[in-house]
Amino acid sequence: MTGQGDIFDAIAEFNRAYLVLAQRMLRGDYEQGKRQLGISDDIAASIVALTPDQIDAIAASGELFCEFRIEHAPGRA
């Protein structure tokens, strides 16, 4: 059985990977990255400006940083 600490570690790892990927997407093509991530200009600018230490601190918050949007799932109109 997975312990609570394991779940928080997995969330932190997921958040860290998401934020690093989001930065790469936004730095590569800002407008396309915003659309693909479904985020505002203010949020995008904040993500781009994050330092590695800030990413680690946010990632360790214990809550998922991203939001899943079912309306954009494959096979949905």
PDB file of N, CA and C in Angstrom:
ATOM      1  N   MET A   1       0.842  -1.184   0.000  1.00  0.00           N
ATOM      2  CA  MET A   1       0.000   0.000   0.000  1.00  0.00           C
ATOM      3  C   MET A   1       0.886   1.246   0.000  1.00  0.00           C
ATOM      4  N   THR A   2       0.496   2.204  -0.783  1.00  0.00           N
ATOM      5  CA  THR A   2       1.276   3.428  -0.900  1.00  0.00           C
ATOM      6  C   THR A   2       0.994   4.342   0.283  1.00  0.00           C
ATOM      7  N   GLY A   3       2.064   4.849   0.892  1.00  0.00           N
ATOM      8  CA  GLY A   3       1.914   5.747   2.019  1.00  0.00           C
ATOM      9  C   GLY A   3       1.652   7.173   1.576  1.00  0.00           C
ATOM     10  N   GLN A   4       1.159   7.983   2.513  1.00  0.00           N
ATOM     11  CA  GLN A   4       0.857   9.387   2.234  1.00  0.00           C
ATOM     12  C   GLN A   4       2.098  10.135   1.759  1.00  0.00           C
ATOM     13  N   GLY A   5       3.252   9.819   2.344  1.00  0.00           N
ATOM     14  CA  GLY A   5       4.496  10.465   1.927  1.00  0.00           C
ATOM     15  C   GLY A   5       4.845  10.154   0.491  1.00  0.00           C
ATOM     16  N   ASP A   6       4.585   8.914   0.068  1.00  0.00           N
ATOM     17  CA  ASP A   6       4.836   8.531  -1.322  1.00  0.00           C
ATOM     18  C   ASP A   6       3.965   9.332  -2.280  1.00  0.00           C
ATOM     19  N   ILE A   7       2.714   9.570  -1.883  1.00  0.00           N
ATOM     20  CA  ILE A   7       1.801  10.342  -2.725  1.00  0.00           C
ATOM     21  C   ILE A   7       2.302  11.774  -2.853  1.00  0.00           C
ATOM     22  N   PHE A   8       2.707  12.381  -1.746  1.00  0.00           N
ATOM     23  CA  PHE A   8       3.213  13.754  -1.798  1.00  0.00           C
ATOM     24  C   PHE A   8       4.499  13.845  -2.613  1.00  0.00           C
ATOM     25  N   ASP A   9       5.342  12.828  -2.518  1.00  0.00           N
ATOM     26  CA  ASP A   9       6.559  12.795  -3.339  1.00  0.00           C
ATOM     27  C   ASP A   9       6.205  12.713  -4.819  1.00  0.00           C
ATOM     28  N   ALA A  10       5.209  11.902  -5.155  1.00  0.00           N
ATOM     29  CA  ALA A  10       4.782  11.767  -6.552  1.00  0.00           C
ATOM     30  C   ALA A  10       4.180  13.067  -7.068  1.00  0.00           C
ATOM     31  N   ILE A  11       3.396  13.743  -6.232  1.00  0.00           N
ATOM     32  CA  ILE A  11       2.822  15.035  -6.623  1.00  0.00           C
ATOM     33  C   ILE A  11       3.933  16.047  -6.860  1.00  0.00           C
ATOM     34  N   ALA A  12       4.920  16.093  -5.977  1.00  0.00           N
ATOM     35  CA  ALA A  12       6.038  17.031  -6.134  1.00  0.00           C
ATOM     36  C   ALA A  12       6.800  16.751  -7.420  1.00  0.00           C
ATOM     37  N   GLU A  13       7.040  15.489  -7.709  1.00  0.00           N
ATOM     38  CA  GLU A  13       7.752  15.118  -8.936  1.00  0.00           C
ATOM     39  C   GLU A  13       6.946  15.512 -10.175  1.00  0.00           C
ATOM     40  N   PHE A  14       5.638  15.260 -10.145  1.00  0.00           N
ATOM     41  CA  PHE A  14       4.763  15.633 -11.256  1.00  0.00           C
ATOM     42  C   PHE A  14       4.758  17.147 -11.447  1.00  0.00           C
ATOM     43  N   ASN A  15       4.573  17.893 -10.354  1.00  0.00           N
ATOM     44  CA  ASN A  15       4.550  19.357 -10.431  1.00  0.00           C
ATOM     45  C   ASN A  15       5.850  19.910 -11.007  1.00  0.00           C
ATOM     46  N   ARG A  16       6.963  19.371 -10.547  1.00  0.00           N
ATOM     47  CA  ARG A  16       8.270  19.834 -11.021  1.00  0.00           C
ATOM     48  C   ARG A  16       8.395  19.592 -12.528  1.00  0.00           C
ATOM     49  N   ALA A  17       8.032  18.400 -12.973  1.00  0.00           N
ATOM     50  CA  ALA A  17       8.110  18.070 -14.399  1.00  0.00           C
ATOM     51  C   ALA A  17       7.180  18.963 -15.215  1.00  0.00           C
ATOM     52  N   TYR A  18       5.976  19.208 -14.708  1.00  0.00           N
ATOM     53  CA  TYR A  18       5.011  20.063 -15.403  1.00  0.00           C
ATOM     54  C   TYR A  18       5.540  21.490 -15.537  1.00  0.00           C
ATOM     55  N   LEU A  19       6.061  22.047 -14.466  1.00  0.00           N
ATOM     56  CA  LEU A  19       6.545  23.427 -14.510  1.00  0.00           C
ATOM     57  C   LEU A  19       7.753  23.580 -15.430  1.00  0.00           C
ATOM     58  N   VAL A  20       8.659  22.623 -15.408  1.00  0.00           N
ATOM     59  CA  VAL A  20       9.824  22.677 -16.298  1.00  0.00           C
ATOM     60  C   VAL A  20       9.369  22.559 -17.751  1.00  0.00           C
ATOM     61  N   LEU A  21       8.440  21.645 -18.028  1.00  0.00           N
ATOM     62  CA  LEU A  21       7.904  21.510 -19.384  1.00  0.00           C
ATOM     63  C   LEU A  21       7.187  22.788 -19.810  1.00  0.00           C
ATOM     64  N   ALA A  22       6.383  23.355 -18.925  1.00  0.00           N
ATOM     65  CA  ALA A  22       5.667  24.593 -19.239  1.00  0.00           C
ATOM     66  C   ALA A  22       6.651  25.716 -19.572  1.00  0.00           C
ATOM     67  N   GLN A  23       7.724  25.839 -18.809  1.00  0.00           N
ATOM     68  CA  GLN A  23       8.739  26.850 -19.115  1.00  0.00           C
ATOM     69  C   GLN A  23       9.331  26.633 -20.498  1.00  0.00           C
ATOM     70  N   ARG A  24       9.671  25.400 -20.811  1.00  0.00           N
ATOM     71  CA  ARG A  24      10.260  25.099 -22.124  1.00  0.00           C
ATOM     72  C   ARG A  24       9.287  25.441 -23.248  1.00  0.00           C
ATOM     73  N   MET A  25       8.020  25.085 -23.074  1.00  0.00           N
ATOM     74  CA  MET A  25       7.012  25.381 -24.093  1.00  0.00           C
ATOM     75  C   MET A  25       6.868  26.886 -24.293  1.00  0.00           C
ATOM     76  N   LEU A  26       6.783  27.625 -23.193  1.00  0.00           N
ATOM     77  CA  LEU A  26       6.583  29.070 -23.264  1.00  0.00           C
ATOM     78  C   LEU A  26       7.807  29.786 -23.821  1.00  0.00           C
ATOM     79  N   ARG A  27       8.977  29.312 -23.491  1.00  0.00           N
ATOM     80  CA  ARG A  27      10.196  29.928 -24.019  1.00  0.00           C
ATOM     81  C   ARG A  27      10.385  29.608 -25.496  1.00  0.00           C
ATOM     82  N   GLY A  28       9.858  28.471 -25.933  1.00  0.00           N
ATOM     83  CA  GLY A  28       9.967  28.085 -27.338  1.00  0.00           C
ATOM     84  C   GLY A  28       9.005  28.856 -28.223  1.00  0.00           C
ATOM     85  N   ASP A  29       7.751  28.946 -27.822  1.00  0.00           N
ATOM     86  CA  ASP A  29       6.720  29.683 -28.565  1.00  0.00           C
ATOM     87  C   ASP A  29       5.681  30.124 -27.539  1.00  0.00           C
ATOM     88  N   TYR A  30       5.808  31.345 -27.094  1.00  0.00           N
ATOM     89  CA  TYR A  30       5.016  31.864 -25.983  1.00  0.00           C
ATOM     90  C   TYR A  30       3.513  31.731 -26.221  1.00  0.00           C
ATOM     91  N   GLU A  31       3.030  32.216 -27.357  1.00  0.00           N
ATOM     92  CA  GLU A  31       1.589  32.208 -27.638  1.00  0.00           C
ATOM     93  C   GLU A  31       1.054  30.786 -27.775  1.00  0.00           C
ATOM     94  N   GLN A  32       1.758  29.939 -28.490  1.00  0.00           N
ATOM     95  CA  GLN A  32       1.321  28.556 -28.644  1.00  0.00           C
ATOM     96  C   GLN A  32       1.364  27.839 -27.297  1.00  0.00           C
ATOM     97  N   GLY A  33       2.391  28.092 -26.520  1.00  0.00           N
ATOM     98  CA  GLY A  33       2.492  27.492 -25.192  1.00  0.00           C
ATOM     99  C   GLY A  33       1.318  27.875 -24.304  1.00  0.00           C
ATOM    100  N   LYS A  34       0.943  29.144 -24.325  1.00  0.00           N
ATOM    101  CA  LYS A  34      -0.211  29.598 -23.539  1.00  0.00           C
ATOM    102  C   LYS A  34      -1.476  28.863 -23.955  1.00  0.00           C
ATOM    103  N   ARG A  35      -1.691  28.739 -25.260  1.00  0.00           N
ATOM    104  CA  ARG A  35      -2.881  28.045 -25.757  1.00  0.00           C
ATOM    105  C   ARG A  35      -2.876  26.576 -25.345  1.00  0.00           C
ATOM    106  N   GLN A  36      -1.738  25.916 -25.543  1.00  0.00           N
ATOM    107  CA  GLN A  36      -1.667  24.494 -25.220  1.00  0.00           C
ATOM    108  C   GLN A  36      -1.825  24.233 -23.725  1.00  0.00           C
ATOM    109  N   LEU A  37      -1.296  25.110 -22.919  1.00  0.00           N
ATOM    110  CA  LEU A  37      -1.391  24.948 -21.469  1.00  0.00           C
ATOM    111  C   LEU A  37      -2.717  25.456 -20.911  1.00  0.00           C
ATOM    112  N   GLY A  38      -3.425  26.283 -21.700  1.00  0.00           N
ATOM    113  CA  GLY A  38      -4.691  26.835 -21.245  1.00  0.00           C
ATOM    114  C   GLY A  38      -4.527  27.828 -20.115  1.00  0.00           C
ATOM    115  N   ILE A  39      -3.498  28.687 -20.223  1.00  0.00           N
ATOM    116  CA  ILE A  39      -3.205  29.636 -19.148  1.00  0.00           C
ATOM    117  C   ILE A  39      -3.230  31.064 -19.676  1.00  0.00           C
ATOM    118  N   SER A  40      -3.411  31.999 -18.763  1.00  0.00           N
ATOM    119  CA  SER A  40      -3.442  33.417 -19.107  1.00  0.00           C
ATOM    120  C   SER A  40      -2.030  33.952 -19.317  1.00  0.00           C
ATOM    121  N   ASP A  41      -1.970  35.162 -19.844  1.00  0.00           N
ATOM    122  CA  ASP A  41      -0.684  35.815 -20.050  1.00  0.00           C
ATOM    123  C   ASP A  41       0.030  36.047 -18.715  1.00  0.00           C
ATOM    124  N   ASP A  42      -0.726  36.430 -17.693  1.00  0.00           N
ATOM    125  CA  ASP A  42      -0.123  36.673 -16.371  1.00  0.00           C
ATOM    126  C   ASP A  42       0.492  35.400 -15.789  1.00  0.00           C
ATOM    127  N   ILE A  43      -0.234  34.300 -15.881  1.00  0.00           N
ATOM    128  CA  ILE A  43       0.283  33.026 -15.364  1.00  0.00           C
ATOM    129  C   ILE A  43       1.490  32.584 -16.177  1.00  0.00           C
ATOM    130  N   ALA A  44       1.405  32.728 -17.504  1.00  0.00           N
ATOM    131  CA  ALA A  44       2.526  32.338 -18.372  1.00  0.00           C
ATOM    132  C   ALA A  44       3.778  33.127 -18.016  1.00  0.00           C
ATOM    133  N   ALA A  45       3.631  34.430 -17.833  1.00  0.00           N
ATOM    134  CA  ALA A  45       4.780  35.266 -17.488  1.00  0.00           C
ATOM    135  C   ALA A  45       5.372  34.845 -16.143  1.00  0.00           C
ATOM    136  N   SER A  46       4.508  34.498 -15.196  1.00  0.00           N
ATOM    137  CA  SER A  46       4.989  34.050 -13.885  1.00  0.00           C
ATOM    138  C   SER A  46       5.758  32.740 -13.991  1.00  0.00           C
ATOM    139  N   ILE A  47       5.262  31.815 -14.807  1.00  0.00           N
ATOM    140  CA  ILE A  47       5.938  30.526 -14.974  1.00  0.00           C
ATOM    141  C   ILE A  47       7.297  30.716 -15.626  1.00  0.00           C
ATOM    142  N   VAL A  48       7.369  31.545 -16.656  1.00  0.00           N
ATOM    143  CA  VAL A  48       8.639  31.788 -17.352  1.00  0.00           C
ATOM    144  C   VAL A  48       9.673  32.372 -16.397  1.00  0.00           C
ATOM    145  N   ALA A  49       9.238  33.208 -15.467  1.00  0.00           N
ATOM    146  CA  ALA A  49      10.156  33.904 -14.561  1.00  0.00           C
ATOM    147  C   ALA A  49      10.618  33.053 -13.373  1.00  0.00           C
ATOM    148  N   LEU A  50      10.037  31.872 -13.175  1.00  0.00           N
ATOM    149  CA  LEU A  50      10.402  31.048 -12.019  1.00  0.00           C
ATOM    150  C   LEU A  50      11.855  30.589 -12.076  1.00  0.00           C
ATOM    151  N   THR A  51      12.512  30.652 -10.927  1.00  0.00           N
ATOM    152  CA  THR A  51      13.860  30.105 -10.794  1.00  0.00           C
ATOM    153  C   THR A  51      13.742  28.622 -10.424  1.00  0.00           C
ATOM    154  N   PRO A  52      14.820  27.861 -10.575  1.00  0.00           N
ATOM    155  CA  PRO A  52      14.763  26.453 -10.158  1.00  0.00           C
ATOM    156  C   PRO A  52      14.358  26.277  -8.684  1.00  0.00           C
ATOM    157  N   ASP A  53      14.836  27.142  -7.804  1.00  0.00           N
ATOM    158  CA  ASP A  53      14.461  27.047  -6.388  1.00  0.00           C
ATOM    159  C   ASP A  53      12.971  27.320  -6.180  1.00  0.00           C
ATOM    160  N   GLN A  54      12.430  28.278  -6.925  1.00  0.00           N
ATOM    161  CA  GLN A  54      11.002  28.569  -6.826  1.00  0.00           C
ATOM    162  C   GLN A  54      10.171  27.403  -7.354  1.00  0.00           C
ATOM    163  N   ILE A  55      10.628  26.791  -8.443  1.00  0.00           N
ATOM    164  CA  ILE A  55       9.930  25.616  -8.979  1.00  0.00           C
ATOM    165  C   ILE A  55       9.896  24.515  -7.929  1.00  0.00           C
ATOM    166  N   ASP A  56      11.025  24.272  -7.276  1.00  0.00           N
ATOM    167  CA  ASP A  56      11.076  23.237  -6.238  1.00  0.00           C
ATOM    168  C   ASP A  56      10.115  23.552  -5.089  1.00  0.00           C
ATOM    169  N   ALA A  57      10.047  24.812  -4.685  1.00  0.00           N
ATOM    170  CA  ALA A  57       9.162  25.197  -3.582  1.00  0.00           C
ATOM    171  C   ALA A  57       7.692  25.017  -3.964  1.00  0.00           C
ATOM    172  N   ILE A  58       7.326  25.433  -5.161  1.00  0.00           N
ATOM    173  CA  ILE A  58       5.942  25.272  -5.621  1.00  0.00           C
ATOM    174  C   ILE A  58       5.611  23.797  -5.789  1.00  0.00           C
ATOM    175  N   ALA A  59       6.542  23.056  -6.363  1.00  0.00           N
ATOM    176  CA  ALA A  59       6.317  21.629  -6.615  1.00  0.00           C
ATOM    177  C   ALA A  59       6.041  20.871  -5.325  1.00  0.00           C
ATOM    178  N   ALA A  60       6.662  21.283  -4.245  1.00  0.00           N
ATOM    179  CA  ALA A  60       6.533  20.582  -2.967  1.00  0.00           C
ATOM    180  C   ALA A  60       5.306  21.009  -2.163  1.00  0.00           C
ATOM    181  N   SER A  61       4.406  21.778  -2.764  1.00  0.00           N
ATOM    182  CA  SER A  61       3.250  22.311  -2.040  1.00  0.00           C
ATOM    183  C   SER A  61       2.263  21.241  -1.584  1.00  0.00           C
ATOM    184  N   GLY A  62       2.299  20.053  -2.210  1.00  0.00           N
ATOM    185  CA  GLY A  62       1.378  18.987  -1.825  1.00  0.00           C
ATOM    186  C   GLY A  62       0.085  18.975  -2.609  1.00  0.00           C
ATOM    187  N   GLU A  63      -0.093  19.948  -3.506  1.00  0.00           N
ATOM    188  CA  GLU A  63      -1.283  20.012  -4.353  1.00  0.00           C
ATOM    189  C   GLU A  63      -0.849  20.017  -5.806  1.00  0.00           C
ATOM    190  N   LEU A  64      -1.655  19.385  -6.666  1.00  0.00           N
ATOM    191  CA  LEU A  64      -1.340  19.408  -8.092  1.00  0.00           C
ATOM    192  C   LEU A  64      -1.382  20.838  -8.599  1.00  0.00           C
ATOM    193  N   PHE A  65      -0.371  21.205  -9.374  1.00  0.00           N
ATOM    194  CA  PHE A  65      -0.253  22.568  -9.880  1.00  0.00           C
ATOM    195  C   PHE A  65      -1.085  22.776 -11.139  1.00  0.00           C
ATOM    196  N   CYS A  66      -1.244  21.730 -11.939  1.00  0.00           N
ATOM    197  CA  CYS A  66      -1.972  21.885 -13.199  1.00  0.00           C
ATOM    198  C   CYS A  66      -3.417  21.434 -13.037  1.00  0.00           C
ATOM    199  N   GLU A  67      -4.204  21.748 -14.065  1.00  0.00           N
ATOM    200  CA  GLU A  67      -5.609  21.372 -14.092  1.00  0.00           C
ATOM    201  C   GLU A  67      -5.859  20.581 -15.364  1.00  0.00           C
ATOM    202  N   PHE A  68      -6.544  19.468 -15.245  1.00  0.00           N
ATOM    203  CA  PHE A  68      -6.869  18.666 -16.419  1.00  0.00           C
ATOM    204  C   PHE A  68      -8.194  19.155 -16.986  1.00  0.00           C
ATOM    205  N   ARG A  69      -8.227  19.342 -18.302  1.00  0.00           N
ATOM    206  CA  ARG A  69      -9.423  19.861 -18.969  1.00  0.00           C
ATOM    207  C   ARG A  69     -10.002  18.769 -19.858  1.00  0.00           C
ATOM    208  N   ILE A  70     -11.069  18.144 -19.413  1.00  0.00           N
ATOM    209  CA  ILE A  70     -11.669  17.027 -20.133  1.00  0.00           C
ATOM    210  C   ILE A  70     -12.208  17.454 -21.495  1.00  0.00           C
ATOM    211  N   GLU A  71     -12.615  18.706 -21.627  1.00  0.00           N
ATOM    212  CA  GLU A  71     -13.169  19.166 -22.904  1.00  0.00           C
ATOM    213  C   GLU A  71     -12.136  19.146 -24.026  1.00  0.00           C
ATOM    214  N   HIS A  72     -10.872  19.047 -23.687  1.00  0.00           N
ATOM    215  CA  HIS A  72      -9.807  19.003 -24.689  1.00  0.00           C
ATOM    216  C   HIS A  72      -9.205  17.610 -24.841  1.00  0.00           C
ATOM    217  N   ALA A  73      -9.855  16.618 -24.250  1.00  0.00           N
ATOM    218  CA  ALA A  73      -9.347  15.248 -24.340  1.00  0.00           C
ATOM    219  C   ALA A  73      -9.509  14.717 -25.762  1.00  0.00           C
ATOM    220  N   PRO A  74      -8.615  13.848 -26.196  1.00  0.00           N
ATOM    221  CA  PRO A  74      -8.742  13.260 -27.535  1.00  0.00           C
ATOM    222  C   PRO A  74     -10.098  12.583 -27.708  1.00  0.00           C
ATOM    223  N   GLY A  75     -10.686  12.770 -28.887  1.00  0.00           N
ATOM    224  CA  GLY A  75     -11.973  12.160 -29.187  1.00  0.00           C
ATOM    225  C   GLY A  75     -13.165  12.984 -28.761  1.00  0.00           C
ATOM    226  N   ARG A  76     -12.915  14.113 -28.118  1.00  0.00           N
ATOM    227  CA  ARG A  76     -14.012  14.999 -27.704  1.00  0.00           C
ATOM    228  C   ARG A  76     -14.196  16.077 -28.748  1.00  0.00           C
ATOM    229  N   ALA A  77     -15.421  16.454 -28.996  1.00  0.00           N
ATOM    230  CA  ALA A  77     -15.719  17.491 -29.998  1.00  0.00           C
ATOM    231  C   ALA A  77     -15.555  18.859 -29.404  1.00  0.00           C
TER     232      ALA A  77
END
